[in-house]
Amino acid sequence: MTVRIVRLGTPRHPHEGTRIGTVRRPPRGVPKAEFASGNWYDVWYPNLSPTPDLVKKALASQADLSAAGEKEWAAFTRGFRAEMAQPDHARSIALLAALSQHADFSVGCYCENEARCHRSILRALLKDAGAKIAQE
């Protein structure tokens, strides 16, 4: 039993289980009835997505790979970790870490590059909370 960290909209792994969308907004132009069949997500859980202000920082850092972009990414990382340390978010992380011991599921986001996406931070937070994370 494990949790997978995935890019939403990509083909599912055979043993992926329930796909949880940790995004602020549903996919554009996709009817709600097609979220699961289109490999977007089975359950939408925006509680584990960054706030709109932090999303702006992340998007700015994705487009800028210079030192300034690295600085934006570092600011995003600090801000998102601070958000996830709040009690409601920390309980969600703890819950998913515990569930990973007994069930297969995945969490994901739309970003192409996981290294510059909040799901890389979720991966670390889940691991720190004791989650069993699937090897790619």
N, C-alpha and C. Protein backbone atom coordinates (compact mmCIF):
# COMPACT_ATOMS: atom_id res chain seq x y z
N MET A 1 0.84 -1.17 0.00
CA MET A 1 0.00 0.00 0.00
C MET A 1 0.89 1.25 0.00
N THR A 2 0.55 2.19 -0.87
CA THR A 2 1.39 3.39 -0.99
C THR A 2 0.58 4.57 -1.51
N VAL A 3 1.21 5.73 -1.39
CA VAL A 3 0.69 6.93 -2.03
C VAL A 3 1.63 7.24 -3.20
N ARG A 4 1.05 7.59 -4.32
CA ARG A 4 1.81 8.02 -5.49
C ARG A 4 1.64 9.52 -5.64
N ILE A 5 2.68 10.17 -6.11
CA ILE A 5 2.62 11.60 -6.42
C ILE A 5 2.58 11.68 -7.94
N VAL A 6 1.50 12.27 -8.49
CA VAL A 6 1.27 12.20 -9.93
C VAL A 6 0.96 13.56 -10.54
N ARG A 7 1.09 13.60 -11.85
CA ARG A 7 0.63 14.75 -12.62
C ARG A 7 -0.80 14.43 -13.07
N LEU A 8 -1.73 15.28 -12.68
CA LEU A 8 -3.12 15.07 -13.06
C LEU A 8 -3.28 15.14 -14.56
N GLY A 9 -4.12 14.26 -15.10
CA GLY A 9 -4.36 14.21 -16.54
C GLY A 9 -3.49 13.21 -17.26
N THR A 10 -2.57 12.57 -16.53
CA THR A 10 -1.70 11.56 -17.13
C THR A 10 -2.31 10.18 -16.91
N PRO A 11 -1.90 9.19 -17.72
CA PRO A 11 -2.43 7.83 -17.53
C PRO A 11 -2.16 7.33 -16.11
N ARG A 12 -3.09 6.56 -15.61
CA ARG A 12 -2.97 6.02 -14.25
C ARG A 12 -2.07 4.80 -14.21
N HIS A 13 -1.38 4.65 -13.09
CA HIS A 13 -0.60 3.45 -12.80
C HIS A 13 -1.60 2.34 -12.48
N PRO A 14 -1.31 1.09 -12.84
CA PRO A 14 -2.27 0.01 -12.60
C PRO A 14 -2.75 -0.13 -11.15
N HIS A 15 -1.90 0.20 -10.18
CA HIS A 15 -2.28 0.04 -8.77
C HIS A 15 -2.36 1.39 -8.07
N GLU A 16 -2.74 2.40 -8.81
CA GLU A 16 -2.73 3.75 -8.25
C GLU A 16 -3.84 3.99 -7.22
N GLY A 17 -4.97 3.39 -7.40
CA GLY A 17 -6.08 3.62 -6.48
C GLY A 17 -6.74 4.96 -6.73
N THR A 18 -7.38 5.49 -5.73
CA THR A 18 -8.10 6.76 -5.83
C THR A 18 -7.12 7.89 -6.09
N ARG A 19 -7.46 8.75 -7.05
CA ARG A 19 -6.62 9.90 -7.39
C ARG A 19 -7.24 11.15 -6.75
N ILE A 20 -6.42 11.85 -5.96
CA ILE A 20 -6.86 13.04 -5.24
C ILE A 20 -6.23 14.27 -5.89
N GLY A 21 -7.08 15.18 -6.33
CA GLY A 21 -6.60 16.42 -6.94
C GLY A 21 -6.35 17.48 -5.89
N THR A 22 -5.09 17.82 -5.68
CA THR A 22 -4.73 18.83 -4.68
C THR A 22 -4.47 20.15 -5.42
N VAL A 23 -5.50 20.62 -6.09
CA VAL A 23 -5.41 21.82 -6.93
C VAL A 23 -6.47 22.83 -6.50
N ARG A 24 -6.18 24.08 -6.78
CA ARG A 24 -7.09 25.17 -6.40
C ARG A 24 -8.36 25.15 -7.23
N ARG A 25 -8.25 24.80 -8.52
CA ARG A 25 -9.41 24.83 -9.43
C ARG A 25 -9.49 23.55 -10.26
N PRO A 26 -10.73 23.18 -10.64
CA PRO A 26 -10.90 22.02 -11.52
C PRO A 26 -10.28 22.29 -12.89
N PRO A 27 -10.04 21.24 -13.68
CA PRO A 27 -9.44 21.44 -15.01
C PRO A 27 -10.38 22.24 -15.92
N ARG A 28 -9.82 23.19 -16.64
CA ARG A 28 -10.61 24.04 -17.53
C ARG A 28 -11.14 23.25 -18.72
N GLY A 29 -12.41 23.50 -19.03
CA GLY A 29 -13.01 22.92 -20.22
C GLY A 29 -13.35 21.45 -20.12
N VAL A 30 -13.22 20.88 -18.94
CA VAL A 30 -13.52 19.46 -18.76
C VAL A 30 -14.82 19.34 -17.96
N PRO A 31 -15.82 18.67 -18.52
CA PRO A 31 -17.06 18.49 -17.76
C PRO A 31 -16.79 17.68 -16.48
N LYS A 32 -17.48 18.03 -15.41
CA LYS A 32 -17.30 17.37 -14.12
C LYS A 32 -17.44 15.86 -14.23
N ALA A 33 -18.35 15.40 -15.07
CA ALA A 33 -18.58 13.97 -15.24
C ALA A 33 -17.36 13.26 -15.84
N GLU A 34 -16.41 14.00 -16.42
CA GLU A 34 -15.23 13.40 -17.06
C GLU A 34 -13.96 13.56 -16.24
N PHE A 35 -14.04 14.11 -15.04
CA PHE A 35 -12.83 14.28 -14.23
C PHE A 35 -12.13 12.95 -13.99
N ALA A 36 -12.85 11.93 -13.57
CA ALA A 36 -12.23 10.64 -13.27
C ALA A 36 -11.85 9.89 -14.55
N SER A 37 -12.77 9.82 -15.51
CA SER A 37 -12.49 9.06 -16.73
C SER A 37 -11.38 9.70 -17.57
N GLY A 38 -11.17 10.99 -17.41
CA GLY A 38 -10.09 11.68 -18.13
C GLY A 38 -8.78 11.67 -17.37
N ASN A 39 -8.71 10.90 -16.30
CA ASN A 39 -7.50 10.77 -15.47
C ASN A 39 -7.10 12.07 -14.78
N TRP A 40 -8.09 12.92 -14.52
CA TRP A 40 -7.78 14.15 -13.77
C TRP A 40 -7.74 13.81 -12.29
N TYR A 41 -8.89 13.52 -11.70
CA TYR A 41 -8.94 13.08 -10.30
C TYR A 41 -10.31 12.49 -9.99
N ASP A 42 -10.33 11.67 -8.93
CA ASP A 42 -11.58 11.08 -8.44
C ASP A 42 -12.19 11.97 -7.35
N VAL A 43 -11.33 12.57 -6.56
CA VAL A 43 -11.75 13.43 -5.46
C VAL A 43 -10.96 14.73 -5.54
N TRP A 44 -11.68 15.83 -5.42
CA TRP A 44 -11.03 17.14 -5.43
C TRP A 44 -10.80 17.55 -3.99
N TYR A 45 -9.55 17.85 -3.64
CA TYR A 45 -9.20 18.23 -2.28
C TYR A 45 -8.32 19.47 -2.30
N PRO A 46 -8.92 20.64 -2.54
CA PRO A 46 -8.12 21.87 -2.63
C PRO A 46 -7.49 22.28 -1.32
N ASN A 47 -7.83 21.62 -0.21
CA ASN A 47 -7.24 21.94 1.08
C ASN A 47 -5.72 21.79 1.07
N LEU A 48 -5.21 20.97 0.17
CA LEU A 48 -3.76 20.75 0.08
C LEU A 48 -3.14 21.46 -1.12
N SER A 49 -3.80 22.51 -1.57
CA SER A 49 -3.23 23.31 -2.66
C SER A 49 -2.79 24.65 -2.09
N PRO A 50 -1.84 25.30 -2.75
CA PRO A 50 -1.39 26.61 -2.26
C PRO A 50 -2.47 27.68 -2.42
N THR A 51 -2.39 28.70 -1.60
CA THR A 51 -3.29 29.84 -1.74
C THR A 51 -3.00 30.55 -3.06
N PRO A 52 -3.96 31.33 -3.56
CA PRO A 52 -3.74 32.04 -4.84
C PRO A 52 -2.48 32.89 -4.86
N ASP A 53 -2.16 33.57 -3.78
CA ASP A 53 -0.94 34.39 -3.74
C ASP A 53 0.31 33.52 -3.92
N LEU A 54 0.32 32.36 -3.27
CA LEU A 54 1.47 31.47 -3.42
C LEU A 54 1.53 30.85 -4.81
N VAL A 55 0.38 30.58 -5.41
CA VAL A 55 0.36 30.05 -6.78
C VAL A 55 1.06 31.03 -7.71
N LYS A 56 0.84 32.32 -7.53
CA LYS A 56 1.50 33.33 -8.37
C LYS A 56 3.02 33.23 -8.24
N LYS A 57 3.51 33.04 -7.02
CA LYS A 57 4.95 32.90 -6.81
C LYS A 57 5.48 31.64 -7.51
N ALA A 58 4.74 30.56 -7.40
CA ALA A 58 5.18 29.31 -8.03
C ALA A 58 5.21 29.46 -9.54
N LEU A 59 4.18 30.05 -10.12
CA LEU A 59 4.14 30.23 -11.57
C LEU A 59 5.27 31.15 -12.05
N ALA A 60 5.57 32.18 -11.27
CA ALA A 60 6.68 33.07 -11.63
C ALA A 60 8.00 32.32 -11.61
N SER A 61 8.18 31.45 -10.62
CA SER A 61 9.44 30.71 -10.53
C SER A 61 9.56 29.66 -11.62
N GLN A 62 8.43 29.11 -12.09
CA GLN A 62 8.47 28.11 -13.15
C GLN A 62 8.96 28.72 -14.45
N ALA A 63 8.59 29.96 -14.68
CA ALA A 63 8.95 30.63 -15.93
C ALA A 63 10.36 31.21 -15.90
N ASP A 64 10.94 31.35 -14.72
CA ASP A 64 12.23 32.02 -14.58
C ASP A 64 13.21 31.09 -13.89
N LEU A 65 14.16 30.55 -14.65
CA LEU A 65 15.12 29.62 -14.08
C LEU A 65 16.40 30.32 -13.64
N SER A 66 16.40 31.65 -13.61
CA SER A 66 17.56 32.42 -13.16
C SER A 66 17.61 32.43 -11.63
N ALA A 67 18.56 33.17 -11.10
CA ALA A 67 18.67 33.31 -9.65
C ALA A 67 17.40 33.93 -9.06
N ALA A 68 16.80 34.86 -9.79
CA ALA A 68 15.56 35.47 -9.32
C ALA A 68 14.44 34.43 -9.23
N GLY A 69 14.38 33.54 -10.20
CA GLY A 69 13.39 32.47 -10.18
C GLY A 69 13.63 31.51 -9.02
N GLU A 70 14.90 31.23 -8.74
CA GLU A 70 15.23 30.38 -7.60
C GLU A 70 14.79 31.03 -6.29
N LYS A 71 14.95 32.34 -6.22
CA LYS A 71 14.54 33.08 -5.03
C LYS A 71 13.01 33.01 -4.87
N GLU A 72 12.27 33.15 -5.97
CA GLU A 72 10.81 33.04 -5.94
C GLU A 72 10.40 31.65 -5.49
N TRP A 73 11.08 30.63 -6.02
CA TRP A 73 10.75 29.25 -5.64
C TRP A 73 11.00 29.02 -4.15
N ALA A 74 12.11 29.54 -3.66
CA ALA A 74 12.42 29.40 -2.23
C ALA A 74 11.34 30.09 -1.38
N ALA A 75 10.89 31.26 -1.82
CA ALA A 75 9.83 31.97 -1.10
C ALA A 75 8.53 31.18 -1.15
N PHE A 76 8.23 30.61 -2.30
CA PHE A 76 7.03 29.77 -2.42
C PHE A 76 7.12 28.58 -1.48
N THR A 77 8.25 27.91 -1.48
CA THR A 77 8.44 26.72 -0.64
C THR A 77 8.24 27.06 0.83
N ARG A 78 8.86 28.14 1.29
CA ARG A 78 8.68 28.55 2.69
C ARG A 78 7.21 28.84 2.99
N GLY A 79 6.58 29.58 2.09
CA GLY A 79 5.17 29.94 2.30
C GLY A 79 4.25 28.73 2.31
N PHE A 80 4.46 27.80 1.37
CA PHE A 80 3.59 26.62 1.30
C PHE A 80 3.82 25.72 2.51
N ARG A 81 5.07 25.56 2.93
CA ARG A 81 5.33 24.75 4.13
C ARG A 81 4.67 25.39 5.36
N ALA A 82 4.69 26.71 5.43
CA ALA A 82 4.03 27.40 6.56
C ALA A 82 2.52 27.17 6.51
N GLU A 83 1.93 27.23 5.33
CA GLU A 83 0.50 26.96 5.20
C GLU A 83 0.17 25.53 5.63
N MET A 84 0.98 24.58 5.19
CA MET A 84 0.71 23.18 5.50
C MET A 84 0.99 22.84 6.96
N ALA A 85 1.69 23.71 7.68
CA ALA A 85 1.94 23.50 9.10
C ALA A 85 0.74 23.92 9.96
N GLN A 86 -0.20 24.63 9.36
CA GLN A 86 -1.41 25.03 10.10
C GLN A 86 -2.18 23.76 10.49
N PRO A 87 -2.86 23.78 11.63
CA PRO A 87 -3.48 22.54 12.15
C PRO A 87 -4.36 21.76 11.17
N ASP A 88 -5.27 22.42 10.46
CA ASP A 88 -6.14 21.69 9.54
C ASP A 88 -5.35 20.99 8.44
N HIS A 89 -4.37 21.68 7.89
CA HIS A 89 -3.56 21.10 6.82
C HIS A 89 -2.65 19.99 7.37
N ALA A 90 -2.06 20.24 8.52
CA ALA A 90 -1.19 19.23 9.12
C ALA A 90 -1.97 17.94 9.42
N ARG A 91 -3.22 18.08 9.84
CA ARG A 91 -4.05 16.89 10.08
C ARG A 91 -4.33 16.15 8.77
N SER A 92 -4.53 16.89 7.70
CA SER A 92 -4.75 16.25 6.39
C SER A 92 -3.52 15.46 5.97
N ILE A 93 -2.35 16.05 6.15
CA ILE A 93 -1.09 15.35 5.81
C ILE A 93 -0.97 14.09 6.67
N ALA A 94 -1.23 14.20 7.97
CA ALA A 94 -1.14 13.05 8.87
C ALA A 94 -2.14 11.96 8.47
N LEU A 95 -3.34 12.36 8.10
CA LEU A 95 -4.36 11.40 7.68
C LEU A 95 -3.90 10.64 6.43
N LEU A 96 -3.41 11.36 5.43
CA LEU A 96 -2.95 10.70 4.20
C LEU A 96 -1.75 9.80 4.48
N ALA A 97 -0.86 10.23 5.35
CA ALA A 97 0.29 9.39 5.70
C ALA A 97 -0.19 8.09 6.35
N ALA A 98 -1.16 8.18 7.24
CA ALA A 98 -1.69 6.97 7.88
C ALA A 98 -2.41 6.08 6.86
N LEU A 99 -3.20 6.68 5.99
CA LEU A 99 -3.92 5.89 4.98
C LEU A 99 -2.96 5.17 4.04
N SER A 100 -1.80 5.76 3.78
CA SER A 100 -0.84 5.14 2.86
C SER A 100 -0.31 3.81 3.40
N GLN A 101 -0.49 3.57 4.68
CA GLN A 101 -0.07 2.30 5.27
C GLN A 101 -1.04 1.17 4.94
N HIS A 102 -2.28 1.55 4.50
CA HIS A 102 -3.34 0.55 4.34
C HIS A 102 -4.06 0.60 3.00
N ALA A 103 -3.77 1.60 2.17
CA ALA A 103 -4.50 1.75 0.90
C ALA A 103 -3.59 2.37 -0.16
N ASP A 104 -3.90 2.06 -1.41
CA ASP A 104 -3.22 2.70 -2.53
C ASP A 104 -4.04 3.90 -2.98
N PHE A 105 -3.40 5.04 -3.14
CA PHE A 105 -4.04 6.24 -3.66
C PHE A 105 -2.96 7.16 -4.19
N SER A 106 -3.37 8.24 -4.81
CA SER A 106 -2.40 9.20 -5.33
C SER A 106 -2.87 10.62 -5.05
N VAL A 107 -1.92 11.52 -5.04
CA VAL A 107 -2.21 12.96 -4.95
C VAL A 107 -1.48 13.63 -6.10
N GLY A 108 -2.09 14.69 -6.62
CA GLY A 108 -1.44 15.31 -7.75
C GLY A 108 -1.87 16.72 -8.05
N CYS A 109 -1.18 17.25 -9.06
CA CYS A 109 -1.38 18.62 -9.55
C CYS A 109 -1.16 18.60 -11.06
N TYR A 110 -1.49 19.71 -11.71
CA TYR A 110 -1.38 19.81 -13.17
C TYR A 110 0.03 20.09 -13.67
N CYS A 111 0.89 20.65 -12.85
CA CYS A 111 2.20 21.13 -13.31
C CYS A 111 3.00 20.04 -14.01
N GLU A 112 3.66 20.42 -15.07
CA GLU A 112 4.47 19.47 -15.83
C GLU A 112 5.73 19.06 -15.07
N ASN A 113 6.38 20.03 -14.43
CA ASN A 113 7.66 19.80 -13.76
C ASN A 113 7.45 19.67 -12.25
N GLU A 114 7.52 18.45 -11.74
CA GLU A 114 7.28 18.26 -10.31
C GLU A 114 8.28 19.03 -9.45
N ALA A 115 9.49 19.21 -9.94
CA ALA A 115 10.51 19.90 -9.16
C ALA A 115 10.11 21.35 -8.85
N ARG A 116 9.25 21.94 -9.69
CA ARG A 116 8.78 23.30 -9.46
C ARG A 116 7.26 23.32 -9.27
N CYS A 117 6.78 22.35 -8.51
CA CYS A 117 5.35 22.21 -8.26
C CYS A 117 5.14 21.91 -6.78
N HIS A 118 4.01 22.33 -6.25
CA HIS A 118 3.75 22.08 -4.84
C HIS A 118 3.68 20.59 -4.51
N ARG A 119 3.48 19.75 -5.52
CA ARG A 119 3.42 18.32 -5.20
C ARG A 119 4.79 17.79 -4.77
N SER A 120 5.89 18.45 -5.16
CA SER A 120 7.21 18.03 -4.67
C SER A 120 7.30 18.29 -3.16
N ILE A 121 6.69 19.37 -2.72
CA ILE A 121 6.69 19.69 -1.29
C ILE A 121 5.73 18.75 -0.56
N LEU A 122 4.57 18.46 -1.17
CA LEU A 122 3.67 17.48 -0.56
C LEU A 122 4.35 16.13 -0.40
N ARG A 123 5.14 15.74 -1.40
CA ARG A 123 5.88 14.48 -1.32
C ARG A 123 6.76 14.47 -0.07
N ALA A 124 7.51 15.55 0.12
CA ALA A 124 8.40 15.65 1.28
C ALA A 124 7.62 15.67 2.59
N LEU A 125 6.54 16.42 2.64
CA LEU A 125 5.73 16.49 3.86
C LEU A 125 5.12 15.13 4.21
N LEU A 126 4.62 14.44 3.19
CA LEU A 126 4.05 13.11 3.42
C LEU A 126 5.12 12.14 3.91
N LYS A 127 6.28 12.20 3.28
CA LYS A 127 7.39 11.33 3.69
C LYS A 127 7.77 11.62 5.14
N ASP A 128 7.89 12.91 5.48
CA ASP A 128 8.24 13.29 6.85
C ASP A 128 7.18 12.82 7.85
N ALA A 129 5.93 12.72 7.41
CA ALA A 129 4.84 12.26 8.29
C ALA A 129 4.75 10.74 8.35
N GLY A 130 5.66 10.04 7.65
CA GLY A 130 5.69 8.58 7.72
C GLY A 130 4.93 7.86 6.62
N ALA A 131 4.54 8.58 5.57
CA ALA A 131 3.80 7.95 4.48
C ALA A 131 4.68 6.96 3.73
N LYS A 132 4.05 5.91 3.23
CA LYS A 132 4.71 4.97 2.32
C LYS A 132 4.49 5.52 0.92
N ILE A 133 5.57 5.98 0.30
CA ILE A 133 5.47 6.62 -1.02
C ILE A 133 5.98 5.66 -2.08
N ALA A 134 5.20 5.50 -3.13
CA ALA A 134 5.56 4.59 -4.23
C ALA A 134 6.82 5.10 -4.93
N GLN A 135 7.67 4.18 -5.29
CA GLN A 135 8.85 4.51 -6.08
C GLN A 135 8.43 4.63 -7.54
N GLU A 136 8.92 5.61 -8.22
CA GLU A 136 8.53 5.82 -9.62
C GLU A 136 9.06 4.77 -10.51
